[in-house]
Amino acid sequence: MELGVHLPQIGPLANRDGVTAFARAAEERGFDSLWVSDHVVIPRTLDARYPYSRDGGFPVPPETPFLEPIAALLFVAGVTQRPKLGTTVLVIPMRNPIVTPKQLATLDVLSGGRLILGVGAGWMAEEFEMLGVPFEKRGARTSEYIRLYKALWTEDNPSFQGKFWSIEDVGFSPKPLQKPHPPIWVGGHSAPALRRAGQLADAWHAIGLPAAEVAADFAEVRRHAEEAGRDPASVAITIRTRLPLKNLQQSIEILQSYKDIGVSHAVIEVFTLDLDRATEMMDTLANDVRPKAGV
């Protein structure tokens, strides 16, 4: 099982020095991947419920620095050599479906083929509104945009006719270095998200669920893959989570539980306000937790 860490793209370390130091420290400690999240604006009045907290509250105050994810990964590509660079997750229905895959192809080329594209349909209706993008039918647009990305990335003269976007015989170059295209992970726990992962993704990307729930939902993903005529074994299972690193045994057991159900890649949130503390957490994860968990 590969192991990655979330970059300090959010908060007081979201600057040149903080991101550079963290990314290089993670690379030195052998982590397999570095990750960013996605929000463009955070409305001060927010009625939408955050799906990954018990009370529905979004944990990031509006004034918090929040680096744009693709730009942040392009910067990190220039200060690292080995780790994969991923989005957990990019909200693609609120982004232009031609410009965004161009940016992502550029990232894959300039990083030497290190991109992992995690995508989601989004949940913050107010953010969509402020970006001038309809919130309705965002799931259908997400599925269509994945297909459009693949066409742009793999066809010599891409043409695509969809319900929301169409192109005709265009040049799109350079293509991503990874063939046929960078891995696409679909995030989300809703029934449509599980179906989308099974039909279109290289992996389903769970967020914050315990292993038993991940396994149950992944069975649905595999069922949808089979119904779509795909080999269920071609869809991997991945997780983003936070570990109680002050409790080594519990952290080890959590990682082992994910490994036991077949998780191929775990993204660990290392959120802290202090670079020294972030480095300590990475040391604990790399030197104490990872080896004993056997990942």
C-alpha atoms as a PDB file:
ATOM      1  CA  MET A   1       0.000   0.000   0.000  1.00  0.00           C
ATOM      2  CA  GLU A   2       1.390   3.391  -1.001  1.00  0.00           C
ATOM      3  CA  LEU A   3       1.297   6.249   1.485  1.00  0.00           C
ATOM      4  CA  GLY A   4       0.936   9.959   0.822  1.00  0.00           C
ATOM      5  CA  VAL A   5       0.496  13.142   2.856  1.00  0.00           C
ATOM      6  CA  HIS A   6      -1.616  16.236   2.363  1.00  0.00           C
ATOM      7  CA  LEU A   7       0.413  19.366   1.662  1.00  0.00           C
ATOM      8  CA  PRO A   8       0.035  22.504   3.859  1.00  0.00           C
ATOM      9  CA  GLN A   9      -1.913  24.183   1.069  1.00  0.00           C
ATOM     10  CA  ILE A  10      -4.407  25.490   3.625  1.00  0.00           C
ATOM     11  CA  GLY A  11      -3.545  27.744   6.560  1.00  0.00           C
ATOM     12  CA  PRO A  12      -0.467  29.644   7.762  1.00  0.00           C
ATOM     13  CA  LEU A  13       2.023  27.354   5.990  1.00  0.00           C
ATOM     14  CA  ALA A  14       0.375  28.000   2.604  1.00  0.00           C
ATOM     15  CA  ASN A  15       3.276  30.026   1.257  1.00  0.00           C
ATOM     16  CA  ARG A  16       6.478  29.473  -0.703  1.00  0.00           C
ATOM     17  CA  ASP A  17       8.672  28.552   2.253  1.00  0.00           C
ATOM     18  CA  GLY A  18       6.106  26.407   4.050  1.00  0.00           C
ATOM     19  CA  VAL A  19       5.081  24.361   1.023  1.00  0.00           C
ATOM     20  CA  THR A  20       8.659  23.932  -0.188  1.00  0.00           C
ATOM     21  CA  ALA A  21       9.965  22.770   3.189  1.00  0.00           C
ATOM     22  CA  PHE A  22       7.051  20.388   3.765  1.00  0.00           C
ATOM     23  CA  ALA A  23       7.198  18.879   0.269  1.00  0.00           C
ATOM     24  CA  ARG A  24      10.943  18.281   0.424  1.00  0.00           C
ATOM     25  CA  ALA A  25      10.709  16.842   3.931  1.00  0.00           C
ATOM     26  CA  ALA A  26       7.992  14.433   2.770  1.00  0.00           C
ATOM     27  CA  GLU A  27      10.101  13.379  -0.202  1.00  0.00           C
ATOM     28  CA  GLU A  28      13.153  12.810   2.013  1.00  0.00           C
ATOM     29  CA  ARG A  29      11.051  10.565   4.272  1.00  0.00           C
ATOM     30  CA  GLY A  30       9.983   8.374   1.383  1.00  0.00           C
ATOM     31  CA  PHE A  31       6.314   9.271   1.078  1.00  0.00           C
ATOM     32  CA  ASP A  32       4.842   8.156  -2.215  1.00  0.00           C
ATOM     33  CA  SER A  33       2.601  11.131  -2.932  1.00  0.00           C
ATOM     34  CA  LEU A  34       1.714  14.743  -2.078  1.00  0.00           C
ATOM     35  CA  TRP A  35      -1.871  16.048  -2.150  1.00  0.00           C
ATOM     36  CA  VAL A  36      -4.018  19.162  -2.314  1.00  0.00           C
ATOM     37  CA  SER A  37      -7.716  19.935  -1.853  1.00  0.00           C
ATOM     38  CA  ASP A  38      -9.965  22.261  -3.841  1.00  0.00           C
ATOM     39  CA  HIS A  39     -11.905  25.406  -3.032  1.00  0.00           C
ATOM     40  CA  VAL A  40     -11.707  28.694  -4.907  1.00  0.00           C
ATOM     41  CA  VAL A  41     -13.793  30.832  -2.563  1.00  0.00           C
ATOM     42  CA  ILE A  42     -15.382  30.150   0.821  1.00  0.00           C
ATOM     43  CA  PRO A  43     -18.614  32.127   1.280  1.00  0.00           C
ATOM     44  CA  ARG A  44     -19.050  33.779   4.658  1.00  0.00           C
ATOM     45  CA  THR A  45     -22.713  32.775   4.654  1.00  0.00           C
ATOM     46  CA  LEU A  46     -22.878  29.048   4.085  1.00  0.00           C
ATOM     47  CA  ASP A  47     -26.029  26.943   4.227  1.00  0.00           C
ATOM     48  CA  ALA A  48     -24.654  23.899   2.397  1.00  0.00           C
ATOM     49  CA  ARG A  49     -23.672  21.001   4.667  1.00  0.00           C
ATOM     50  CA  TYR A  50     -20.144  19.652   4.513  1.00  0.00           C
ATOM     51  CA  PRO A  51     -20.554  15.891   3.904  1.00  0.00           C
ATOM     52  CA  TYR A  52     -17.408  14.840   5.769  1.00  0.00           C
ATOM     53  CA  SER A  53     -18.139  16.156   9.269  1.00  0.00           C
ATOM     54  CA  ARG A  54     -20.676  14.945  11.775  1.00  0.00           C
ATOM     55  CA  ASP A  55     -22.337  18.326  12.247  1.00  0.00           C
ATOM     56  CA  GLY A  56     -22.143  19.397   8.594  1.00  0.00           C
ATOM     57  CA  GLY A  57     -19.914  22.358   9.444  1.00  0.00           C
ATOM     58  CA  PHE A  58     -17.043  23.277   7.139  1.00  0.00           C
ATOM     59  CA  PRO A  59     -13.824  23.450   9.214  1.00  0.00           C
ATOM     60  CA  VAL A  60     -12.032  26.125   7.170  1.00  0.00           C
ATOM     61  CA  PRO A  61     -12.876  29.772   8.017  1.00  0.00           C
ATOM     62  CA  PRO A  62     -13.337  32.054   4.974  1.00  0.00           C
ATOM     63  CA  GLU A  63     -10.243  34.146   5.732  1.00  0.00           C
ATOM     64  CA  THR A  64      -7.919  31.115   5.802  1.00  0.00           C
ATOM     65  CA  PRO A  65      -5.239  31.071   3.059  1.00  0.00           C
ATOM     66  CA  PHE A  66      -6.197  28.324   0.549  1.00  0.00           C
ATOM     67  CA  LEU A  67      -3.835  27.903  -2.405  1.00  0.00           C
ATOM     68  CA  GLU A  68      -5.346  27.054  -5.795  1.00  0.00           C
ATOM     69  CA  PRO A  69      -4.710  23.306  -6.198  1.00  0.00           C
ATOM     70  CA  ILE A  70      -3.386  22.984  -9.755  1.00  0.00           C
ATOM     71  CA  ALA A  71      -1.093  25.992  -9.377  1.00  0.00           C
ATOM     72  CA  ALA A  72       0.139  24.626  -6.049  1.00  0.00           C
ATOM     73  CA  LEU A  73       0.977  21.238  -7.568  1.00  0.00           C
ATOM     74  CA  LEU A  74       2.793  22.879 -10.490  1.00  0.00           C
ATOM     75  CA  PHE A  75       4.962  24.660  -7.929  1.00  0.00           C
ATOM     76  CA  VAL A  76       5.550  21.453  -5.956  1.00  0.00           C
ATOM     77  CA  ALA A  77       6.495  19.660  -9.186  1.00  0.00           C
ATOM     78  CA  GLY A  78       9.393  22.088  -9.459  1.00  0.00           C
ATOM     79  CA  VAL A  79      10.747  21.552  -5.945  1.00  0.00           C
ATOM     80  CA  THR A  80      10.460  17.738  -5.827  1.00  0.00           C
ATOM     81  CA  GLN A  81      11.536  14.873  -8.082  1.00  0.00           C
ATOM     82  CA  ARG A  82       9.858  11.634  -7.065  1.00  0.00           C
ATOM     83  CA  PRO A  83       6.462  11.794  -5.279  1.00  0.00           C
ATOM     84  CA  LYS A  84       3.235  11.545  -7.203  1.00  0.00           C
ATOM     85  CA  LEU A  85       1.122  14.709  -7.139  1.00  0.00           C
ATOM     86  CA  GLY A  86      -2.599  14.405  -6.550  1.00  0.00           C
ATOM     87  CA  THR A  87      -5.890  16.203  -5.972  1.00  0.00           C
ATOM     88  CA  THR A  88      -8.173  15.023  -3.187  1.00  0.00           C
ATOM     89  CA  VAL A  89     -10.388  16.069  -4.858  1.00  0.00           C
ATOM     90  CA  LEU A  90     -10.676  18.552  -7.733  1.00  0.00           C
ATOM     91  CA  VAL A  91     -14.264  19.778  -8.146  1.00  0.00           C
ATOM     92  CA  ILE A  92     -14.364  19.509 -11.913  1.00  0.00           C
ATOM     93  CA  PRO A  93     -17.982  20.578 -12.641  1.00  0.00           C
ATOM     94  CA  MET A  94     -17.210  24.114 -11.417  1.00  0.00           C
ATOM     95  CA  ARG A  95     -14.178  24.375 -13.723  1.00  0.00           C
ATOM     96  CA  ASN A  96     -13.904  24.863 -17.490  1.00  0.00           C
ATOM     97  CA  PRO A  97     -13.698  21.358 -19.028  1.00  0.00           C
ATOM     98  CA  ILE A  98     -11.228  22.371 -21.742  1.00  0.00           C
ATOM     99  CA  VAL A  99      -8.897  24.652 -19.774  1.00  0.00           C
ATOM    100  CA  THR A 100      -8.700  22.305 -16.784  1.00  0.00           C
ATOM    101  CA  PRO A 101      -7.509  19.177 -18.643  1.00  0.00           C
ATOM    102  CA  LYS A 102      -4.992  21.410 -20.444  1.00  0.00           C
ATOM    103  CA  GLN A 103      -3.641  22.579 -17.081  1.00  0.00           C
ATOM    104  CA  LEU A 104      -3.558  19.000 -15.817  1.00  0.00           C
ATOM    105  CA  ALA A 105      -1.780  17.718 -18.948  1.00  0.00           C
ATOM    106  CA  THR A 106       0.767  20.505 -18.470  1.00  0.00           C
ATOM    107  CA  LEU A 107       1.246  19.398 -14.857  1.00  0.00           C
ATOM    108  CA  ASP A 108       1.769  15.784 -15.901  1.00  0.00           C
ATOM    109  CA  VAL A 109       4.316  16.793 -18.559  1.00  0.00           C
ATOM    110  CA  LEU A 110       6.280  19.193 -16.357  1.00  0.00           C
ATOM    111  CA  SER A 111       6.295  16.818 -13.375  1.00  0.00           C
ATOM    112  CA  GLY A 112       7.579  13.911 -15.438  1.00  0.00           C
ATOM    113  CA  GLY A 113       4.291  11.966 -15.345  1.00  0.00           C
ATOM    114  CA  ARG A 114       3.431  12.217 -11.645  1.00  0.00           C
ATOM    115  CA  LEU A 115      -0.220  13.381 -11.668  1.00  0.00           C
ATOM    116  CA  ILE A 116      -3.066  11.518  -9.962  1.00  0.00           C
ATOM    117  CA  LEU A 117      -6.384  13.212 -10.669  1.00  0.00           C
ATOM    118  CA  GLY A 118      -8.914  12.785  -7.888  1.00  0.00           C
ATOM    119  CA  VAL A 119     -12.251  14.306  -8.901  1.00  0.00           C
ATOM    120  CA  GLY A 120     -15.532  15.064  -7.186  1.00  0.00           C
ATOM    121  CA  ALA A 121     -18.886  16.629  -7.968  1.00  0.00           C
ATOM    122  CA  GLY A 122     -18.726  19.178  -5.141  1.00  0.00           C
ATOM    123  CA  TRP A 123     -21.112  20.078  -2.343  1.00  0.00           C
ATOM    124  CA  MET A 124     -20.825  23.842  -1.717  1.00  0.00           C
ATOM    125  CA  ALA A 125     -23.724  25.327  -3.677  1.00  0.00           C
ATOM    126  CA  GLU A 126     -22.770  28.877  -2.728  1.00  0.00           C
ATOM    127  CA  GLU A 127     -19.308  28.468  -4.248  1.00  0.00           C
ATOM    128  CA  PHE A 128     -20.780  27.282  -7.556  1.00  0.00           C
ATOM    129  CA  GLU A 129     -23.077  30.308  -7.573  1.00  0.00           C
ATOM    130  CA  MET A 130     -20.211  32.739  -6.977  1.00  0.00           C
ATOM    131  CA  LEU A 131     -18.253  31.132  -9.826  1.00  0.00           C
ATOM    132  CA  GLY A 132     -21.233  31.492 -12.165  1.00  0.00           C
ATOM    133  CA  VAL A 133     -21.676  27.745 -12.598  1.00  0.00           C
ATOM    134  CA  PRO A 134     -24.976  25.875 -12.040  1.00  0.00           C
ATOM    135  CA  PHE A 135     -25.024  23.596  -9.015  1.00  0.00           C
ATOM    136  CA  GLU A 136     -27.820  21.504 -10.498  1.00  0.00           C
ATOM    137  CA  LYS A 137     -26.843  18.434 -12.531  1.00  0.00           C
ATOM    138  CA  ARG A 138     -23.256  18.733 -11.297  1.00  0.00           C
ATOM    139  CA  GLY A 139     -23.027  14.935 -10.993  1.00  0.00           C
ATOM    140  CA  ALA A 140     -24.023  14.424 -14.627  1.00  0.00           C
ATOM    141  CA  ARG A 141     -21.543  17.102 -15.666  1.00  0.00           C
ATOM    142  CA  THR A 142     -18.820  15.415 -13.636  1.00  0.00           C
ATOM    143  CA  SER A 143     -19.348  12.125 -15.465  1.00  0.00           C
ATOM    144  CA  GLU A 144     -19.432  13.867 -18.838  1.00  0.00           C
ATOM    145  CA  TYR A 145     -16.323  15.912 -18.093  1.00  0.00           C
ATOM    146  CA  ILE A 146     -14.371  12.763 -17.164  1.00  0.00           C
ATOM    147  CA  ARG A 147     -15.231  11.347 -20.583  1.00  0.00           C
ATOM    148  CA  LEU A 148     -14.254  14.642 -22.229  1.00  0.00           C
ATOM    149  CA  TYR A 149     -10.920  14.717 -20.386  1.00  0.00           C
ATOM    150  CA  LYS A 150     -10.173  11.211 -21.616  1.00  0.00           C
ATOM    151  CA  ALA A 151     -11.002  12.181 -25.200  1.00  0.00           C
ATOM    152  CA  LEU A 152      -8.734  15.230 -25.059  1.00  0.00           C
ATOM    153  CA  TRP A 153      -5.922  13.245 -23.488  1.00  0.00           C
ATOM    154  CA  THR A 154      -6.020  10.177 -25.737  1.00  0.00           C
ATOM    155  CA  GLU A 155      -7.369  11.107 -29.200  1.00  0.00           C
ATOM    156  CA  ASP A 156      -5.194  12.591 -31.946  1.00  0.00           C
ATOM    157  CA  ASN A 157      -8.012  14.843 -33.153  1.00  0.00           C
ATOM    158  CA  PRO A 158     -10.470  14.977 -30.264  1.00  0.00           C
ATOM    159  CA  SER A 159     -14.176  15.280 -30.975  1.00  0.00           C
ATOM    160  CA  PHE A 160     -16.832  15.032 -28.292  1.00  0.00           C
ATOM    161  CA  GLN A 161     -20.592  15.508 -28.304  1.00  0.00           C
ATOM    162  CA  GLY A 162     -22.147  15.750 -24.858  1.00  0.00           C
ATOM    163  CA  LYS A 163     -25.200  17.190 -23.171  1.00  0.00           C
ATOM    164  CA  PHE A 164     -23.202  19.979 -21.555  1.00  0.00           C
ATOM    165  CA  TRP A 165     -20.132  20.432 -23.767  1.00  0.00           C
ATOM    166  CA  SER A 166     -19.116  19.641 -27.327  1.00  0.00           C
ATOM    167  CA  ILE A 167     -15.930  20.011 -29.357  1.00  0.00           C
ATOM    168  CA  GLU A 168     -15.138  19.120 -32.931  1.00  0.00           C
ATOM    169  CA  ASP A 169     -11.815  17.954 -34.383  1.00  0.00           C
ATOM    170  CA  VAL A 170      -9.388  20.094 -32.368  1.00  0.00           C
ATOM    171  CA  GLY A 171      -5.697  19.959 -31.669  1.00  0.00           C
ATOM    172  CA  PHE A 172      -4.897  19.323 -28.009  1.00  0.00           C
ATOM    173  CA  SER A 173      -1.216  18.995 -27.213  1.00  0.00           C
ATOM    174  CA  PRO A 174       0.848  18.075 -25.364  1.00  0.00           C
ATOM    175  CA  LYS A 175      -0.852  14.963 -24.150  1.00  0.00           C
ATOM    176  CA  PRO A 176      -0.090  13.768 -20.628  1.00  0.00           C
ATOM    177  CA  LEU A 177       3.031  11.652 -20.317  1.00  0.00           C
ATOM    178  CA  GLN A 178       1.129   8.844 -18.559  1.00  0.00           C
ATOM    179  CA  LYS A 179      -0.628   6.505 -20.957  1.00  0.00           C
ATOM    180  CA  PRO A 180      -3.407   6.166 -21.746  1.00  0.00           C
ATOM    181  CA  HIS A 181      -3.903   9.038 -19.273  1.00  0.00           C
ATOM    182  CA  PRO A 182      -3.145   9.942 -15.638  1.00  0.00           C
ATOM    183  CA  PRO A 183      -5.011   7.820 -13.074  1.00  0.00           C
ATOM    184  CA  ILE A 184      -8.492   9.162 -12.354  1.00  0.00           C
ATOM    185  CA  TRP A 185      -9.876   8.594  -8.862  1.00  0.00           C
ATOM    186  CA  VAL A 186     -13.519   9.405  -8.180  1.00  0.00           C
ATOM    187  CA  GLY A 187     -14.337  10.607  -4.679  1.00  0.00           C
ATOM    188  CA  GLY A 188     -17.629  10.704  -2.820  1.00  0.00           C
ATOM    189  CA  HIS A 189     -19.818   8.346  -0.811  1.00  0.00           C
ATOM    190  CA  SER A 190     -23.214   8.945  -2.422  1.00  0.00           C
ATOM    191  CA  ALA A 191     -24.863   6.323  -4.597  1.00  0.00           C
ATOM    192  CA  PRO A 192     -24.167   8.345  -7.797  1.00  0.00           C
ATOM    193  CA  ALA A 193     -20.514   8.764  -6.809  1.00  0.00           C
ATOM    194  CA  LEU A 194     -20.084   5.022  -6.251  1.00  0.00           C
ATOM    195  CA  ARG A 195     -21.722   4.352  -9.615  1.00  0.00           C
ATOM    196  CA  ARG A 196     -19.487   6.934 -11.316  1.00  0.00           C
ATOM    197  CA  ALA A 197     -16.392   5.341  -9.793  1.00  0.00           C
ATOM    198  CA  GLY A 198     -17.384   1.906 -11.018  1.00  0.00           C
ATOM    199  CA  GLN A 199     -18.223   3.098 -14.518  1.00  0.00           C
ATOM    200  CA  LEU A 200     -15.423   5.574 -15.209  1.00  0.00           C
ATOM    201  CA  ALA A 201     -12.605   5.605 -12.651  1.00  0.00           C
ATOM    202  CA  ASP A 202      -9.286   3.893 -12.146  1.00  0.00           C
ATOM    203  CA  ALA A 203      -9.956   4.045  -8.398  1.00  0.00           C
ATOM    204  CA  TRP A 204     -12.613   4.984  -5.882  1.00  0.00           C
ATOM    205  CA  HIS A 205     -11.319   7.523  -3.360  1.00  0.00           C
ATOM    206  CA  ALA A 206     -13.011   7.225   0.032  1.00  0.00           C
ATOM    207  CA  ILE A 207     -12.687  10.006   2.593  1.00  0.00           C
ATOM    208  CA  GLY A 208     -12.555   9.490   6.344  1.00  0.00           C
ATOM    209  CA  LEU A 209     -14.498   6.226   6.537  1.00  0.00           C
ATOM    210  CA  PRO A 210     -13.492   3.262   8.719  1.00  0.00           C
ATOM    211  CA  ALA A 211     -12.344   0.160   6.904  1.00  0.00           C
ATOM    212  CA  ALA A 212     -15.608  -1.767   7.312  1.00  0.00           C
ATOM    213  CA  GLU A 213     -17.617   1.009   5.661  1.00  0.00           C
ATOM    214  CA  VAL A 214     -15.037   1.415   2.919  1.00  0.00           C
ATOM    215  CA  ALA A 215     -15.253  -2.295   2.129  1.00  0.00           C
ATOM    216  CA  ALA A 216     -19.060  -2.214   1.999  1.00  0.00           C
ATOM    217  CA  ASP A 217     -19.158   0.791  -0.325  1.00  0.00           C
ATOM    218  CA  PHE A 218     -16.407  -0.623  -2.496  1.00  0.00           C
ATOM    219  CA  ALA A 219     -18.519  -3.716  -3.097  1.00  0.00           C
ATOM    220  CA  GLU A 220     -21.038  -1.355  -4.720  1.00  0.00           C
ATOM    221  CA  VAL A 221     -18.292   0.213  -6.829  1.00  0.00           C
ATOM    222  CA  ARG A 222     -17.227  -3.207  -8.075  1.00  0.00           C
ATOM    223  CA  ARG A 223     -20.838  -4.113  -8.853  1.00  0.00           C
ATOM    224  CA  HIS A 224     -21.247  -0.988 -10.968  1.00  0.00           C
ATOM    225  CA  ALA A 225     -17.980  -1.751 -12.771  1.00  0.00           C
ATOM    226  CA  GLU A 226     -19.176  -5.233 -13.651  1.00  0.00           C
ATOM    227  CA  GLU A 227     -22.549  -3.914 -14.855  1.00  0.00           C
ATOM    228  CA  ALA A 228     -20.682  -1.446 -17.087  1.00  0.00           C
ATOM    229  CA  GLY A 229     -18.738  -4.293 -18.689  1.00  0.00           C
ATOM    230  CA  ARG A 230     -15.508  -3.482 -16.903  1.00  0.00           C
ATOM    231  CA  ASP A 231     -13.252  -5.822 -14.982  1.00  0.00           C
ATOM    232  CA  PRO A 232     -13.997  -4.989 -11.320  1.00  0.00           C
ATOM    233  CA  ALA A 233     -10.371  -5.743 -10.505  1.00  0.00           C
ATOM    234  CA  SER A 234      -9.355  -2.792 -12.707  1.00  0.00           C
ATOM    235  CA  VAL A 235     -10.814  -0.340 -10.152  1.00  0.00           C
ATOM    236  CA  ALA A 236      -8.569   0.245  -7.153  1.00  0.00           C
ATOM    237  CA  ILE A 237      -9.596   1.375  -3.699  1.00  0.00           C
ATOM    238  CA  THR A 238      -7.961   4.380  -2.003  1.00  0.00           C
ATOM    239  CA  ILE A 239      -8.560   6.388   1.153  1.00  0.00           C
ATOM    240  CA  ARG A 240      -7.948   9.836   2.589  1.00  0.00           C
ATOM    241  CA  THR A 241      -7.960   9.906   6.368  1.00  0.00           C
ATOM    242  CA  ARG A 242      -6.460  11.359   9.522  1.00  0.00           C
ATOM    243  CA  LEU A 243      -4.540   9.202  12.006  1.00  0.00           C
ATOM    244  CA  PRO A 244      -4.325   9.729  15.796  1.00  0.00           C
ATOM    245  CA  LEU A 245      -0.530   9.882  15.651  1.00  0.00           C
ATOM    246  CA  LYS A 246      -0.222  10.470  19.405  1.00  0.00           C
ATOM    247  CA  ASN A 247      -1.574   6.925  19.768  1.00  0.00           C
ATOM    248  CA  LEU A 248       0.885   4.810  17.791  1.00  0.00           C
ATOM    249  CA  GLN A 249      -0.865   1.492  18.276  1.00  0.00           C
ATOM    250  CA  GLN A 250      -4.214   2.836  17.169  1.00  0.00           C
ATOM    251  CA  SER A 251      -2.629   4.492  14.123  1.00  0.00           C
ATOM    252  CA  ILE A 252      -0.916   1.218  13.191  1.00  0.00           C
ATOM    253  CA  GLU A 253      -4.154  -0.722  13.544  1.00  0.00           C
ATOM    254  CA  ILE A 254      -6.071   1.755  11.378  1.00  0.00           C
ATOM    255  CA  LEU A 255      -3.511   1.525   8.573  1.00  0.00           C
ATOM    256  CA  GLN A 256      -3.465  -2.263   8.849  1.00  0.00           C
ATOM    257  CA  SER A 257      -7.257  -2.364   8.622  1.00  0.00           C
ATOM    258  CA  TYR A 258      -7.131  -0.467   5.331  1.00  0.00           C
ATOM    259  CA  LYS A 259      -4.380  -2.701   4.012  1.00  0.00           C
ATOM    260  CA  ASP A 260      -6.396  -5.792   4.940  1.00  0.00           C
ATOM    261  CA  ILE A 261      -9.373  -4.746   2.772  1.00  0.00           C
ATOM    262  CA  GLY A 262      -7.151  -4.048  -0.231  1.00  0.00           C
ATOM    263  CA  VAL A 263      -6.593  -0.295  -0.098  1.00  0.00           C
ATOM    264  CA  SER A 264      -3.803   0.478  -2.563  1.00  0.00           C
ATOM    265  CA  HIS A 265      -3.063   4.072  -1.555  1.00  0.00           C
ATOM    266  CA  ALA A 266      -3.710   6.014   1.659  1.00  0.00           C
ATOM    267  CA  VAL A 267      -3.543   9.806   1.878  1.00  0.00           C
ATOM    268  CA  ILE A 268      -2.881  11.004   5.422  1.00  0.00           C
ATOM    269  CA  GLU A 269      -3.920  14.469   6.571  1.00  0.00           C
ATOM    270  CA  VAL A 270      -1.023  16.154   8.362  1.00  0.00           C
ATOM    271  CA  PHE A 271      -2.748  19.406   9.276  1.00  0.00           C
ATOM    272  CA  THR A 272      -0.941  21.643  11.742  1.00  0.00           C
ATOM    273  CA  LEU A 273      -0.112  25.318  12.135  1.00  0.00           C
ATOM    274  CA  ASP A 274       3.600  24.725  12.692  1.00  0.00           C
ATOM    275  CA  LEU A 275       6.231  23.344  10.314  1.00  0.00           C
ATOM    276  CA  ASP A 276       8.270  21.730  13.081  1.00  0.00           C
ATOM    277  CA  ARG A 277       5.168  19.917  14.321  1.00  0.00           C
ATOM    278  CA  ALA A 278       4.326  18.844  10.765  1.00  0.00           C
ATOM    279  CA  THR A 279       7.830  17.413  10.394  1.00  0.00           C
ATOM    280  CA  GLU A 280       7.492  15.555  13.693  1.00  0.00           C
ATOM    281  CA  MET A 281       4.197  14.059  12.538  1.00  0.00           C
ATOM    282  CA  MET A 282       5.772  12.924   9.267  1.00  0.00           C
ATOM    283  CA  ASP A 283       8.685  11.396  11.207  1.00  0.00           C
ATOM    284  CA  THR A 284       6.258   9.463  13.383  1.00  0.00           C
ATOM    285  CA  LEU A 285       4.287   8.285  10.383  1.00  0.00           C
ATOM    286  CA  ALA A 286       7.367   7.286   8.372  1.00  0.00           C
ATOM    287  CA  ASN A 287       9.516   5.780  11.146  1.00  0.00           C
ATOM    288  CA  ASP A 288       7.054   4.365  13.672  1.00  0.00           C
ATOM    289  CA  VAL A 289       3.663   3.784  12.082  1.00  0.00           C
ATOM    290  CA  ARG A 290       4.375   2.795   8.498  1.00  0.00           C
ATOM    291  CA  PRO A 291       6.932   0.034   9.147  1.00  0.00           C
ATOM    292  CA  LYS A 292       4.897  -1.578  11.904  1.00  0.00           C
ATOM    293  CA  ALA A 293       1.751  -1.455   9.800  1.00  0.00           C
ATOM    294  CA  GLY A 294       3.628  -3.170   6.992  1.00  0.00           C
ATOM    295  CA  VAL A 295       2.797  -0.590   4.329  1.00  0.00           C
END
